[in-house]
Protein backbone atom coordinates (compact mmCIF):
# COMPACT_ATOMS: atom_id res chain seq x y z
CA MET A 1 -9.02 -12.03 13.47
CA ILE A 2 -6.75 -9.58 15.63
CA PRO A 3 -4.09 -7.64 14.63
CA LEU A 4 -0.66 -8.77 15.53
CA ILE A 5 1.21 -5.55 13.49
CA LYS A 6 0.03 -2.25 14.40
CA PRO A 7 2.94 -0.23 11.86
CA ILE A 8 0.78 3.08 12.35
CA GLU A 9 -1.31 4.40 15.37
CA TRP A 10 -2.56 8.10 17.01
CA GLN A 11 -1.87 8.59 20.62
CA GLY A 12 -1.46 11.09 22.41
CA ASP A 13 -2.33 13.85 19.64
CA LYS A 14 1.10 12.11 17.96
CA VAL A 15 1.77 9.38 15.01
CA LEU A 16 2.96 6.80 15.99
CA LEU A 17 4.84 4.92 12.64
CA LEU A 18 7.23 1.69 13.26
CA ASP A 19 10.22 2.28 11.51
CA GLN A 20 10.22 0.24 8.54
CA ARG A 21 13.67 0.97 7.16
CA LYS A 22 14.80 -0.51 10.28
CA LEU A 23 13.20 -4.16 9.92
CA PRO A 24 13.75 -6.65 10.20
CA LEU A 25 16.63 -6.37 12.96
CA GLN A 26 14.50 -3.55 14.89
CA GLU A 27 11.14 -2.52 15.85
CA VAL A 28 11.44 0.95 16.38
CA TYR A 29 8.82 3.47 16.74
CA LEU A 30 8.92 7.06 15.30
CA SER A 31 7.02 9.16 16.95
CA CYS A 32 5.79 12.61 14.53
CA GLY A 33 4.13 15.53 16.24
CA ASP A 34 3.41 17.59 12.89
CA TYR A 35 2.56 17.51 9.81
CA LYS A 36 5.60 17.98 8.40
CA GLY A 37 7.34 14.86 10.56
CA VAL A 38 4.82 12.71 8.90
CA ALA A 39 5.61 13.87 5.33
CA ASP A 40 8.90 13.62 6.33
CA ALA A 41 8.10 9.42 7.28
CA ILE A 42 6.33 8.83 3.61
CA ARG A 43 8.77 10.23 1.65
CA ASP A 44 12.13 8.44 3.45
CA LEU A 45 9.51 5.52 3.78
CA VAL A 46 9.21 4.96 7.17
CA VAL A 47 5.30 4.70 6.06
CA ARG A 48 5.04 3.05 3.22
CA GLY A 49 2.25 0.96 0.97
CA ALA A 50 -0.59 2.76 -0.61
CA PRO A 51 -3.02 2.36 2.31
CA ALA A 52 -0.83 2.95 4.88
CA ILE A 53 0.26 6.11 3.18
CA GLY A 54 -3.46 7.20 3.28
CA VAL A 55 -3.83 6.82 6.75
CA ALA A 56 -0.77 8.61 7.53
CA ALA A 57 -1.44 11.73 5.43
CA ALA A 58 -4.82 11.65 7.07
CA PHE A 59 -3.49 11.55 10.37
CA GLY A 60 -0.74 14.30 8.66
CA MET A 61 -3.43 16.28 8.12
CA THR A 62 -4.88 16.10 11.58
CA LEU A 63 -1.88 17.21 13.21
CA GLY A 64 -1.39 20.23 10.38
CA ALA A 65 -4.77 21.40 10.93
CA MET A 66 -4.13 21.69 15.12
CA GLY A 67 -1.22 23.87 14.21
CA ILE A 68 -2.97 26.36 12.44
CA GLY A 69 -2.89 29.51 14.75
CA VAL A 70 -5.10 31.49 12.96
CA SER A 71 -8.92 33.37 13.44
CA THR A 72 -10.62 33.20 10.50
CA TYR A 73 -11.59 30.03 8.71
CA ALA A 74 -10.13 32.07 4.92
CA ALA A 75 -6.36 31.73 6.91
CA PHE A 76 -7.53 28.08 8.15
CA GLU A 77 -8.29 27.40 4.50
CA ASP A 78 -5.06 28.57 3.00
CA LYS A 79 -2.89 27.24 5.41
CA LEU A 80 -4.63 23.95 5.35
CA HIS A 81 -3.95 23.36 1.60
CA ARG A 82 -0.50 24.29 1.86
CA VAL A 83 -0.58 21.77 4.64
CA ALA A 84 -1.97 19.51 1.97
CA GLU A 85 0.51 20.46 -0.82
CA THR A 86 3.16 19.53 1.18
CA LEU A 87 1.86 15.79 1.73
CA LEU A 88 0.90 15.37 -1.71
CA GLY A 89 4.79 16.34 -2.62
CA THR A 90 6.12 13.06 -0.97
CA ARG A 91 4.92 10.20 -3.59
CA PRO A 92 2.89 10.43 -6.77
CA THR A 93 2.13 7.37 -7.58
CA ALA A 94 0.17 5.91 -4.61
CA ILE A 95 -3.47 7.11 -5.44
CA ASN A 96 -4.79 6.53 -1.75
CA LEU A 97 -2.20 9.70 -0.54
CA ARG A 98 -4.69 12.16 -2.73
CA TRP A 99 -7.67 10.08 -1.66
CA ALA A 100 -7.26 10.82 1.59
CA ILE A 101 -5.54 13.96 1.49
CA GLU A 102 -9.15 15.27 -0.41
CA ARG A 103 -11.59 13.69 2.28
CA MET A 104 -9.60 15.12 4.60
CA LEU A 105 -10.60 18.69 3.11
CA ARG A 106 -13.90 17.81 2.29
CA VAL A 107 -14.42 17.70 5.89
CA SER A 108 -12.85 21.14 6.41
CA GLN A 109 -15.05 22.70 3.83
CA GLY A 110 -17.96 20.88 4.84
CA MET A 111 -18.01 22.37 8.50
CA ARG A 112 -16.81 25.87 7.78
CA ASN A 113 -19.90 27.52 9.30
CA ASN A 114 -18.83 25.68 12.57
CA GLY A 115 -15.94 27.29 14.15
CA LEU A 116 -12.18 25.80 13.97
CA PRO A 117 -12.38 24.26 17.04
CA ALA A 118 -14.78 21.75 15.92
CA ILE A 119 -13.56 21.68 12.57
CA VAL A 120 -9.86 20.46 13.95
CA ALA A 121 -12.38 17.64 16.02
CA ALA A 122 -13.93 16.52 12.95
CA MET A 123 -10.89 16.39 11.01
CA LYS A 124 -9.25 14.31 13.97
CA ASP A 125 -12.49 11.82 13.51
CA GLU A 126 -12.75 11.44 10.22
CA ALA A 127 -8.70 10.15 10.47
CA LEU A 128 -9.18 7.92 12.89
CA ARG A 129 -12.12 6.54 10.74
CA ILE A 130 -10.06 6.19 7.94
CA TYR A 131 -7.52 4.22 10.07
CA GLN A 132 -10.42 2.25 11.36
CA GLU A 133 -11.96 1.89 7.75
CA ASP A 134 -8.84 0.57 6.36
CA LEU A 135 -8.66 -2.12 9.06
CA GLU A 136 -12.22 -3.66 8.33
CA THR A 137 -11.59 -3.48 4.33
CA SER A 138 -8.35 -5.70 4.63
CA LEU A 139 -10.10 -7.77 6.31
CA ALA A 140 -13.36 -7.64 3.65
CA ILE A 141 -10.44 -8.25 1.14
CA GLY A 142 -9.44 -11.17 2.64
CA ARG A 143 -12.67 -12.95 2.85
CA HIS A 144 -13.20 -12.24 -0.84
CA GLY A 145 -9.50 -13.68 -1.88
CA ASP A 146 -9.59 -16.43 0.15
CA THR A 147 -12.42 -17.97 -2.17
CA LEU A 148 -9.47 -18.03 -5.39
CA LEU A 149 -7.35 -20.42 -2.72
CA LYS A 150 -7.72 -24.07 -2.12
CA ASN A 151 -5.62 -26.17 0.82
CA GLY A 152 -2.55 -26.55 -0.05
CA ASP A 153 -1.43 -24.01 -2.60
CA THR A 154 1.91 -22.66 -2.96
CA ILE A 155 1.44 -18.67 -3.72
CA LEU A 156 4.33 -16.26 -4.98
CA THR A 157 4.30 -12.64 -3.45
CA HIS A 158 6.06 -9.79 -4.27
CA CYS A 159 6.85 -6.52 -2.57
CA ASN A 160 4.80 -6.47 0.77
CA ALA A 161 1.25 -6.06 0.63
CA GLY A 162 0.97 -7.13 4.25
CA ALA A 163 -0.17 -5.11 7.41
CA LEU A 164 2.61 -3.24 6.92
CA ALA A 165 1.31 -1.61 3.74
CA THR A 166 -1.82 -0.62 5.83
CA ALA A 167 -3.50 -0.18 9.05
CA GLY A 168 -2.83 -3.50 10.34
CA PHE A 169 -3.86 -6.39 8.35
CA GLY A 170 -3.24 -5.97 4.65
CA THR A 171 -4.62 -6.69 1.28
CA ALA A 172 -2.40 -9.52 -0.66
CA LEU A 173 -1.05 -10.87 2.45
CA ALA A 174 -5.46 -10.27 4.09
CA VAL A 175 -5.71 -13.41 1.82
CA LEU A 176 -3.18 -15.63 2.69
CA TYR A 177 -4.17 -15.09 6.78
CA ARG A 178 -7.69 -15.28 6.13
CA ALA A 179 -7.04 -18.75 4.10
CA GLN A 180 -4.75 -19.86 7.04
CA GLU A 181 -7.58 -18.71 9.36
CA GLU A 182 -9.90 -21.10 7.33
CA GLY A 183 -7.69 -24.14 8.13
CA LYS A 184 -6.32 -24.16 4.55
CA ARG A 185 -2.29 -25.16 4.52
CA ILE A 186 -0.83 -22.44 2.22
CA HIS A 187 3.03 -22.15 1.15
CA VAL A 188 4.18 -18.40 0.62
CA TYR A 189 7.39 -17.75 -1.51
CA VAL A 190 8.24 -14.47 -0.74
CA ASP A 191 10.76 -12.65 -3.59
CA GLU A 192 13.19 -10.45 -2.15
CA THR A 193 12.06 -7.40 -3.50
CA ARG A 194 14.97 -5.45 -5.07
CA PRO A 195 16.67 -2.19 -4.03
CA PHE A 196 14.93 -1.75 -1.15
CA LEU A 197 14.07 -5.44 0.07
CA GLN A 198 10.50 -5.00 1.46
CA GLY A 199 9.76 -9.23 0.63
CA SER A 200 12.92 -10.40 1.91
CA ARG A 201 12.83 -7.48 5.07
CA LEU A 202 9.19 -7.32 5.17
CA THR A 203 6.85 -9.17 3.92
CA ALA A 204 8.50 -12.64 5.03
CA TRP A 205 9.22 -10.72 8.89
CA GLU A 206 5.45 -10.20 9.11
CA LEU A 207 4.66 -13.71 7.56
CA GLN A 208 7.01 -15.48 10.31
CA LYS A 209 5.15 -13.33 12.75
CA TYR A 210 1.78 -15.01 11.77
CA GLY A 211 3.23 -18.81 11.61
CA MET A 212 3.35 -19.22 7.87
CA GLN A 213 5.40 -21.58 5.85
CA ILE A 214 7.34 -19.26 4.03
CA THR A 215 10.79 -19.81 1.54
CA VAL A 216 12.48 -15.88 0.68
CA ILE A 217 13.88 -16.28 -2.73
CA THR A 218 15.99 -14.02 -4.82
CA ASP A 219 14.06 -11.92 -7.55
CA SER A 220 15.36 -14.10 -10.95
CA THR A 221 14.34 -17.19 -9.07
CA ALA A 222 10.33 -17.03 -9.57
CA GLY A 223 10.20 -17.76 -12.93
CA PHE A 224 12.30 -20.82 -12.54
CA LEU A 225 9.78 -22.01 -10.05
CA MET A 226 6.99 -21.07 -12.45
CA GLN A 227 8.91 -23.33 -15.25
CA GLN A 228 9.12 -26.50 -12.45
CA GLY A 229 5.49 -25.83 -11.85
CA ARG A 230 6.00 -25.19 -8.22
CA ILE A 231 3.47 -22.03 -8.15
CA ASP A 232 0.12 -22.25 -8.52
CA LYS A 233 -0.58 -18.68 -8.24
CA VAL A 234 0.36 -15.09 -7.41
CA ILE A 235 -1.14 -12.48 -5.68
CA VAL A 236 0.40 -8.96 -4.90
CA GLY A 237 -0.94 -5.27 -3.83
CA ALA A 238 -1.23 -1.88 -6.14
CA ASP A 239 -0.58 1.26 -5.92
CA ARG A 240 -2.87 2.57 -8.17
CA VAL A 241 -5.14 0.82 -10.91
CA ALA A 242 -6.39 2.91 -13.50
CA ALA A 243 -9.73 2.60 -14.88
CA ASN A 244 -9.02 0.00 -17.80
CA GLY A 245 -7.16 -2.52 -15.37
CA ASP A 246 -3.65 -1.60 -15.71
CA VAL A 247 -1.97 -1.39 -11.91
CA ALA A 248 0.77 0.02 -10.97
CA ASN A 249 2.85 -2.10 -8.14
CA LYS A 250 6.70 -1.85 -6.86
CA ILE A 251 9.36 -2.43 -9.43
CA GLY A 252 9.39 -6.22 -10.82
CA THR A 253 5.68 -7.44 -11.47
CA TYR A 254 5.35 -6.25 -14.84
CA SER A 255 7.77 -9.33 -14.94
CA VAL A 256 6.18 -12.06 -12.84
CA ALA A 257 3.20 -11.24 -14.42
CA VAL A 258 4.54 -12.14 -17.96
CA CYS A 259 6.22 -14.85 -16.31
CA ALA A 260 3.01 -16.12 -14.66
CA GLN A 261 1.63 -16.03 -17.73
CA TYR A 262 3.18 -17.41 -20.24
CA HIS A 263 2.88 -20.75 -17.20
CA HIS A 264 -0.83 -20.22 -17.19
CA ILE A 265 -0.61 -18.92 -13.23
CA PRO A 266 -3.10 -16.97 -12.10
CA PHE A 267 -1.37 -13.57 -11.44
CA TYR A 268 -4.41 -11.87 -9.07
CA VAL A 269 -4.00 -8.20 -7.47
CA ALA A 270 -5.38 -7.00 -4.07
CA ALA A 271 -6.42 -3.78 -3.44
CA PRO A 272 -9.42 -1.30 -2.07
CA CYS A 273 -10.89 0.44 -3.87
CA SER A 274 -9.71 3.29 -2.70
CA THR A 275 -6.95 2.53 -4.67
CA ILE A 276 -9.29 2.52 -7.84
CA ASP A 277 -8.17 5.56 -10.29
CA LEU A 278 -11.20 6.31 -12.57
CA ASN A 279 -10.04 9.62 -13.73
CA THR A 280 -6.66 7.96 -14.72
CA THR A 281 -7.51 6.56 -18.13
CA ASP A 282 -4.84 3.50 -17.89
CA GLY A 283 -1.12 2.91 -17.06
CA ALA A 284 0.55 5.47 -19.44
CA HIS A 285 -1.17 8.07 -17.58
CA ILE A 286 0.58 7.16 -13.93
CA PRO A 287 3.22 8.80 -12.50
CA ILE A 288 6.37 6.65 -11.71
CA GLU A 289 8.18 7.78 -9.04
CA GLU A 290 11.90 7.20 -9.15
CA ARG A 291 14.22 7.16 -6.03
CA ASP A 292 17.46 8.00 -5.13
CA PRO A 293 20.39 6.11 -6.21
CA ARG A 294 21.68 5.27 -3.44
CA GLU A 295 18.92 2.28 -2.81
CA VAL A 296 20.34 0.34 -5.76
CA THR A 297 24.33 1.17 -5.31
CA HIS A 298 24.49 0.55 -1.48
CA ILE A 299 22.91 -1.88 0.74
CA GLY A 300 22.51 -0.38 4.20
CA HIS A 301 26.25 1.21 4.22
CA THR A 302 27.94 -0.76 2.17
CA GLN A 303 28.46 -0.20 -1.79
CA ILE A 304 27.52 -2.88 -4.49
CA THR A 305 28.21 -1.30 -7.57
CA PRO A 306 31.12 0.93 -9.02
CA ALA A 307 31.35 4.49 -7.97
CA GLN A 308 29.88 6.66 -10.60
CA VAL A 309 28.05 4.60 -13.02
CA GLY A 310 24.61 5.27 -14.46
CA ILE A 311 21.86 4.66 -12.13
CA TYR A 312 17.75 4.09 -13.25
CA ASN A 313 15.71 3.03 -9.87
CA PRO A 314 12.11 3.47 -10.76
CA ALA A 315 9.87 2.63 -7.58
CA PHE A 316 7.14 0.92 -9.52
CA ASP A 317 5.99 -0.35 -13.05
CA ILE A 318 3.03 -1.03 -14.85
CA THR A 319 1.12 -4.31 -15.29
CA PRO A 320 -1.63 -4.16 -18.29
CA ALA A 321 -4.99 -5.38 -17.32
CA SER A 322 -4.78 -8.31 -19.82
CA LEU A 323 -1.86 -10.22 -17.82
CA ILE A 324 -4.11 -9.72 -14.58
CA SER A 325 -7.04 -12.89 -13.92
CA ALA A 326 -8.88 -10.59 -10.86
CA ILE A 327 -8.55 -7.51 -8.62
CA ILE A 328 -9.76 -8.54 -5.42
CA THR A 329 -11.39 -5.57 -3.79
CA GLU A 330 -13.23 -5.23 -0.34
CA ARG A 331 -16.68 -5.45 -2.32
CA GLY A 332 -15.81 -8.33 -4.21
CA LEU A 333 -13.55 -9.30 -6.87
CA ALA A 334 -13.36 -7.40 -10.58
CA ARG A 335 -12.89 -8.89 -13.58
CA ALA A 336 -12.43 -8.13 -17.25
CA PRO A 337 -14.07 -6.53 -18.58
CA TYR A 338 -11.78 -4.34 -15.97
CA PRO A 339 -13.77 -0.97 -17.29
CA ASP A 340 -17.61 -2.24 -16.35
CA SER A 341 -16.35 -4.24 -13.34
CA LEU A 342 -13.93 -1.53 -11.74
CA ARG A 343 -17.04 1.14 -12.10
CA SER A 344 -19.28 -1.65 -11.01
CA VAL A 345 -17.25 -2.20 -7.43
CA SER A 346 -16.09 1.56 -7.20
CA SER A 347 -19.88 3.11 -7.32
CA TRP A 348 -21.24 -0.01 -4.95
CA SER A 349 -22.63 1.22 -1.69
CA GLY A 350 -23.94 -1.98 -0.09
């Protein structure tokens, strides 16, 4: 499968990012020539989705290393850690951000006796490797997830867990793309995903590019469709998976999962193993990012709420493991008991 969408690329020692704030009306790329530009892009949702954030952070670390003008490794390491801290401070919930940055730091530390030019070159190679691995991971998730779908299924998805959230294929949507490639007829209900509208703006745009049959709904319609028997399965992505199987994903995921369980509908999470955080025991210990109230009070430049009302805008919620039928990874399906199955796929090296 060839990716139709390239949300992030390395070109000429710069990072090109498809500006997801402007979709679906404009397809505009932002060029970042330094790590601060990448950090701003992550924070401002130019690039979003846990795997894509990880790839962007790896490229950001490379740009940061390229801009360090010192002569000793000690000075280089000190400044590189400052670069890492800046990138880590952008978004706290997605574990892929830390995973990628720590991986880049290990490359630097492992090359400390090879000279600074060699370290920078090795970091660039590692970032490109992370990018390529993400593409391959998405395809593997698609293959494993496809086994859960049958011809004629109607799928509900929440937020955007597709090409735009990764290096080019997706997690939850990779499963749908694989099913389509295998000749299965799949109808996808896309909920709008307030307040940033990742579903109606991004997922609908992306699925349309792939020629899939879609219907956009408001968030509050999902339960009604389930009640009518019009949803066969739910597939979502994840920003972090705790050791016990609790999942942090876009706000509203928990509500969908509760409705799915009530109506006996399988609820699947698709995520790369890099999203599994075995050091976090359960969802209660996952930090939840709270974003700008303006995302709620405005749509574009139009204010939709009364002035000076209180606003609560968490970006994510926690879906308990008990509501999840399976977690689809590039190494296979993890099922309850999740502490065992997640540890197994995380340590698998085949």
